[in-house]
Amino acid sequence: MPSFRVNGGPLHATPWPFDPATFSWRTIDVPVPLSEVRDGTNTIEFAPGSEAALSNVNLILIAGSPVP
């Protein structure tokens, strides 16, 4: 899995939890430090050098706002 950065922050290495010999579409979630996320538009960049194909990349916040 490629390394990624959010909004120009540091690169984060992502371990590949799947069998590397199997070539099929997979879904993976990757934690992103909340301190790197901004209000409004965010940018996700991936470092080159991976053989993985990426598609349908989203930044989803789970429990992203405090509950009163």
C-alpha atoms as a PDB file:
ATOM      1  CA  MET A   1       0.000   0.000   0.000  1.00  0.00           C
ATOM      2  CA  PRO A   2       1.357   3.401  -0.775  1.00  0.00           C
ATOM      3  CA  SER A   3       2.330   5.964   1.787  1.00  0.00           C
ATOM      4  CA  PHE A   4       0.008   8.959   1.954  1.00  0.00           C
ATOM      5  CA  ARG A   5      -0.138  12.518   3.262  1.00  0.00           C
ATOM      6  CA  VAL A   6      -3.073  14.770   4.057  1.00  0.00           C
ATOM      7  CA  ASN A   7      -2.901  18.519   3.333  1.00  0.00           C
ATOM      8  CA  GLY A   8       0.861  18.494   2.775  1.00  0.00           C
ATOM      9  CA  GLY A   9       1.601  16.896   6.156  1.00  0.00           C
ATOM     10  CA  PRO A  10       4.073  14.093   6.837  1.00  0.00           C
ATOM     11  CA  LEU A  11       3.975  10.822   4.902  1.00  0.00           C
ATOM     12  CA  HIS A  12       2.267   7.953   6.703  1.00  0.00           C
ATOM     13  CA  ALA A  13       3.266   4.376   5.884  1.00  0.00           C
ATOM     14  CA  THR A  14       0.346   1.992   5.519  1.00  0.00           C
ATOM     15  CA  PRO A  15       0.768  -1.750   6.109  1.00  0.00           C
ATOM     16  CA  TRP A  16      -0.829  -4.057   3.539  1.00  0.00           C
ATOM     17  CA  PRO A  17      -3.061  -6.512   5.463  1.00  0.00           C
ATOM     18  CA  PHE A  18      -3.907  -8.718   2.469  1.00  0.00           C
ATOM     19  CA  ASP A  19      -2.201 -11.582   0.668  1.00  0.00           C
ATOM     20  CA  PRO A  20       0.164  -9.914  -1.837  1.00  0.00           C
ATOM     21  CA  ALA A  21      -0.251 -12.740  -4.362  1.00  0.00           C
ATOM     22  CA  THR A  22      -3.992 -12.102  -4.823  1.00  0.00           C
ATOM     23  CA  PHE A  23      -4.904  -9.425  -7.335  1.00  0.00           C
ATOM     24  CA  SER A  24      -8.433  -8.194  -6.691  1.00  0.00           C
ATOM     25  CA  TRP A  25     -10.154  -5.028  -5.545  1.00  0.00           C
ATOM     26  CA  ARG A  26     -10.084  -4.533  -1.793  1.00  0.00           C
ATOM     27  CA  THR A  27     -11.396  -2.030   0.708  1.00  0.00           C
ATOM     28  CA  ILE A  28      -9.097  -0.741   3.420  1.00  0.00           C
ATOM     29  CA  ASP A  29      -9.494   1.925   6.045  1.00  0.00           C
ATOM     30  CA  VAL A  30      -6.516   3.922   7.247  1.00  0.00           C
ATOM     31  CA  PRO A  31      -6.509   6.170  10.325  1.00  0.00           C
ATOM     32  CA  VAL A  32      -5.596   9.814   9.707  1.00  0.00           C
ATOM     33  CA  PRO A  33      -4.546  12.090  12.576  1.00  0.00           C
ATOM     34  CA  LEU A  34      -7.378  14.562  13.173  1.00  0.00           C
ATOM     35  CA  SER A  35      -4.791  17.325  13.556  1.00  0.00           C
ATOM     36  CA  GLU A  36      -4.061  17.029   9.799  1.00  0.00           C
ATOM     37  CA  VAL A  37      -7.676  17.479   8.716  1.00  0.00           C
ATOM     38  CA  ARG A  38      -9.032  20.982   7.968  1.00  0.00           C
ATOM     39  CA  ASP A  39     -12.487  22.464   7.662  1.00  0.00           C
ATOM     40  CA  GLY A  40     -13.468  22.610   3.999  1.00  0.00           C
ATOM     41  CA  THR A  41     -11.454  21.037   1.183  1.00  0.00           C
ATOM     42  CA  ASN A  42      -8.717  18.542   2.097  1.00  0.00           C
ATOM     43  CA  THR A  43      -6.020  17.073  -0.162  1.00  0.00           C
ATOM     44  CA  ILE A  44      -4.863  13.450  -0.017  1.00  0.00           C
ATOM     45  CA  GLU A  45      -1.579  12.616  -1.808  1.00  0.00           C
ATOM     46  CA  PHE A  46      -0.026   9.194  -2.344  1.00  0.00           C
ATOM     47  CA  ALA A  47       3.712   8.562  -2.629  1.00  0.00           C
ATOM     48  CA  PRO A  48       4.881   6.906  -5.854  1.00  0.00           C
ATOM     49  CA  GLY A  49       6.502   3.508  -5.979  1.00  0.00           C
ATOM     50  CA  SER A  50       3.604   1.228  -5.196  1.00  0.00           C
ATOM     51  CA  GLU A  51       2.131  -1.386  -7.477  1.00  0.00           C
ATOM     52  CA  ALA A  52      -1.312  -0.901  -5.927  1.00  0.00           C
ATOM     53  CA  ALA A  53      -4.047   0.655  -8.029  1.00  0.00           C
ATOM     54  CA  LEU A  54      -6.144   3.201  -6.157  1.00  0.00           C
ATOM     55  CA  SER A  55      -9.749   4.081  -6.818  1.00  0.00           C
ATOM     56  CA  ASN A  56     -12.603   5.819  -5.008  1.00  0.00           C
ATOM     57  CA  VAL A  57     -10.515   7.461  -2.280  1.00  0.00           C
ATOM     58  CA  ASN A  58     -12.548   9.224   0.412  1.00  0.00           C
ATOM     59  CA  LEU A  59     -11.847  10.997   3.677  1.00  0.00           C
ATOM     60  CA  ILE A  60     -14.640  10.030   6.077  1.00  0.00           C
ATOM     61  CA  LEU A  61     -14.862  11.313   9.636  1.00  0.00           C
ATOM     62  CA  ILE A  62     -16.409   8.890  12.107  1.00  0.00           C
ATOM     63  CA  ALA A  63     -17.633  10.672  15.240  1.00  0.00           C
ATOM     64  CA  GLY A  64     -16.091  13.806  13.747  1.00  0.00           C
ATOM     65  CA  SER A  65     -17.899  16.258  15.994  1.00  0.00           C
ATOM     66  CA  PRO A  66     -18.416  16.234  19.752  1.00  0.00           C
ATOM     67  CA  VAL A  67     -21.839  15.260  21.022  1.00  0.00           C
ATOM     68  CA  PRO A  68     -23.301  17.680  23.578  1.00  0.00           C
END
